[in-house]
């Protein structure tokens, strides 16, 4: 699964709109939308914030279990 698909899946699973989740991250909704569409990849700091928010590992966020 691509990162953008995983971000959308997690957000929808937890019932957040893009605006609500981007507010929690402290970024604009436009930037978050770009993450979900794959137009822009989040920086490392944001990736860590996302994993911490959902209480998942970076491996889970990047769906690395299929490669292990």
C-alpha atoms as a PDB file:
ATOM      1  CA  UNK A   1       0.000   0.000   0.000  1.00  0.00           C
ATOM      2  CA  UNK A   2       1.265   3.426  -0.887  1.00  0.00           C
ATOM      3  CA  UNK A   3       1.760   5.985   1.865  1.00  0.00           C
ATOM      4  CA  UNK A   4      -0.991   8.197   0.469  1.00  0.00           C
ATOM      5  CA  UNK A   5      -3.497   5.315   0.573  1.00  0.00           C
ATOM      6  CA  UNK A   6      -2.458   4.438   4.104  1.00  0.00           C
ATOM      7  CA  UNK A   7      -2.908   8.044   5.264  1.00  0.00           C
ATOM      8  CA  UNK A   8      -6.406   8.163   3.824  1.00  0.00           C
ATOM      9  CA  UNK A   9      -7.293   4.757   5.260  1.00  0.00           C
ATOM     10  CA  UNK A  10      -6.130   5.711   8.755  1.00  0.00           C
ATOM     11  CA  UNK A  11      -7.890   9.064   8.694  1.00  0.00           C
ATOM     12  CA  UNK A  12     -11.176   7.527   7.584  1.00  0.00           C
ATOM     13  CA  UNK A  13     -10.874   4.646  10.062  1.00  0.00           C
ATOM     14  CA  UNK A  14     -10.582   7.153  12.902  1.00  0.00           C
ATOM     15  CA  UNK A  15     -13.382   9.293  11.477  1.00  0.00           C
ATOM     16  CA  UNK A  16     -11.497  12.522  10.807  1.00  0.00           C
ATOM     17  CA  UNK A  17     -12.039  14.922   7.958  1.00  0.00           C
ATOM     18  CA  UNK A  18      -8.943  16.215   6.214  1.00  0.00           C
ATOM     19  CA  UNK A  19      -9.461  19.559   7.968  1.00  0.00           C
ATOM     20  CA  UNK A  20      -9.759  17.988  11.417  1.00  0.00           C
ATOM     21  CA  UNK A  21      -6.657  15.871  10.971  1.00  0.00           C
ATOM     22  CA  UNK A  22      -4.562  18.626   9.440  1.00  0.00           C
ATOM     23  CA  UNK A  23      -5.527  20.841  12.405  1.00  0.00           C
ATOM     24  CA  UNK A  24      -4.257  18.140  14.764  1.00  0.00           C
ATOM     25  CA  UNK A  25      -0.952  18.044  12.860  1.00  0.00           C
ATOM     26  CA  UNK A  26      -0.690  21.822  12.760  1.00  0.00           C
ATOM     27  CA  UNK A  27      -0.537  22.014   8.978  1.00  0.00           C
ATOM     28  CA  UNK A  28      -2.888  23.357   6.318  1.00  0.00           C
ATOM     29  CA  UNK A  29      -5.591  21.166   4.863  1.00  0.00           C
ATOM     30  CA  UNK A  30      -4.195  21.865   1.394  1.00  0.00           C
ATOM     31  CA  UNK A  31      -0.815  20.385   2.375  1.00  0.00           C
ATOM     32  CA  UNK A  32      -2.450  17.359   3.980  1.00  0.00           C
ATOM     33  CA  UNK A  33      -4.569  16.810   0.865  1.00  0.00           C
ATOM     34  CA  UNK A  34      -1.369  16.774  -1.173  1.00  0.00           C
ATOM     35  CA  UNK A  35      -0.046  13.985   1.071  1.00  0.00           C
ATOM     36  CA  UNK A  36      -3.162  11.889   0.475  1.00  0.00           C
ATOM     37  CA  UNK A  37      -3.066  12.442  -3.274  1.00  0.00           C
ATOM     38  CA  UNK A  38       0.649  11.705  -3.505  1.00  0.00           C
ATOM     39  CA  UNK A  39       1.496  15.108  -4.976  1.00  0.00           C
ATOM     40  CA  UNK A  40       3.807  15.833  -2.038  1.00  0.00           C
ATOM     41  CA  UNK A  41       5.474  13.503   0.455  1.00  0.00           C
ATOM     42  CA  UNK A  42       5.429  14.613   4.075  1.00  0.00           C
ATOM     43  CA  UNK A  43       8.734  15.551   5.669  1.00  0.00           C
ATOM     44  CA  UNK A  44      10.253  13.303   8.338  1.00  0.00           C
ATOM     45  CA  UNK A  45       8.939  15.385  11.210  1.00  0.00           C
ATOM     46  CA  UNK A  46       5.384  15.161   9.898  1.00  0.00           C
ATOM     47  CA  UNK A  47       5.679  11.437   9.231  1.00  0.00           C
ATOM     48  CA  UNK A  48       6.731  10.901  12.838  1.00  0.00           C
ATOM     49  CA  UNK A  49       3.851  13.083  14.094  1.00  0.00           C
ATOM     50  CA  UNK A  50       1.389  11.005  12.072  1.00  0.00           C
ATOM     51  CA  UNK A  51       2.748   7.696  13.367  1.00  0.00           C
ATOM     52  CA  UNK A  52       2.752   9.011  16.938  1.00  0.00           C
ATOM     53  CA  UNK A  53      -0.787  10.343  16.611  1.00  0.00           C
ATOM     54  CA  UNK A  54      -2.126   6.979  15.459  1.00  0.00           C
ATOM     55  CA  UNK A  55       0.198   5.148  17.890  1.00  0.00           C
ATOM     56  CA  UNK A  56       1.685   3.001  15.156  1.00  0.00           C
ATOM     57  CA  UNK A  57       5.247   2.274  14.118  1.00  0.00           C
ATOM     58  CA  UNK A  58       6.824   3.749  11.022  1.00  0.00           C
ATOM     59  CA  UNK A  59       6.924   0.217   9.616  1.00  0.00           C
ATOM     60  CA  UNK A  60       3.143   0.027   9.968  1.00  0.00           C
ATOM     61  CA  UNK A  61       2.690   3.467   8.443  1.00  0.00           C
ATOM     62  CA  UNK A  62       4.757   2.451   5.420  1.00  0.00           C
ATOM     63  CA  UNK A  63       3.184  -1.039   5.353  1.00  0.00           C
ATOM     64  CA  UNK A  64       6.591  -2.663   5.597  1.00  0.00           C
ATOM     65  CA  UNK A  65       5.276  -5.959   6.987  1.00  0.00           C
ATOM     66  CA  UNK A  66       4.736  -7.197   3.449  1.00  0.00           C
ATOM     67  CA  UNK A  67       8.494  -6.867   2.850  1.00  0.00           C
ATOM     68  CA  UNK A  68       9.631  -8.583   6.052  1.00  0.00           C
END
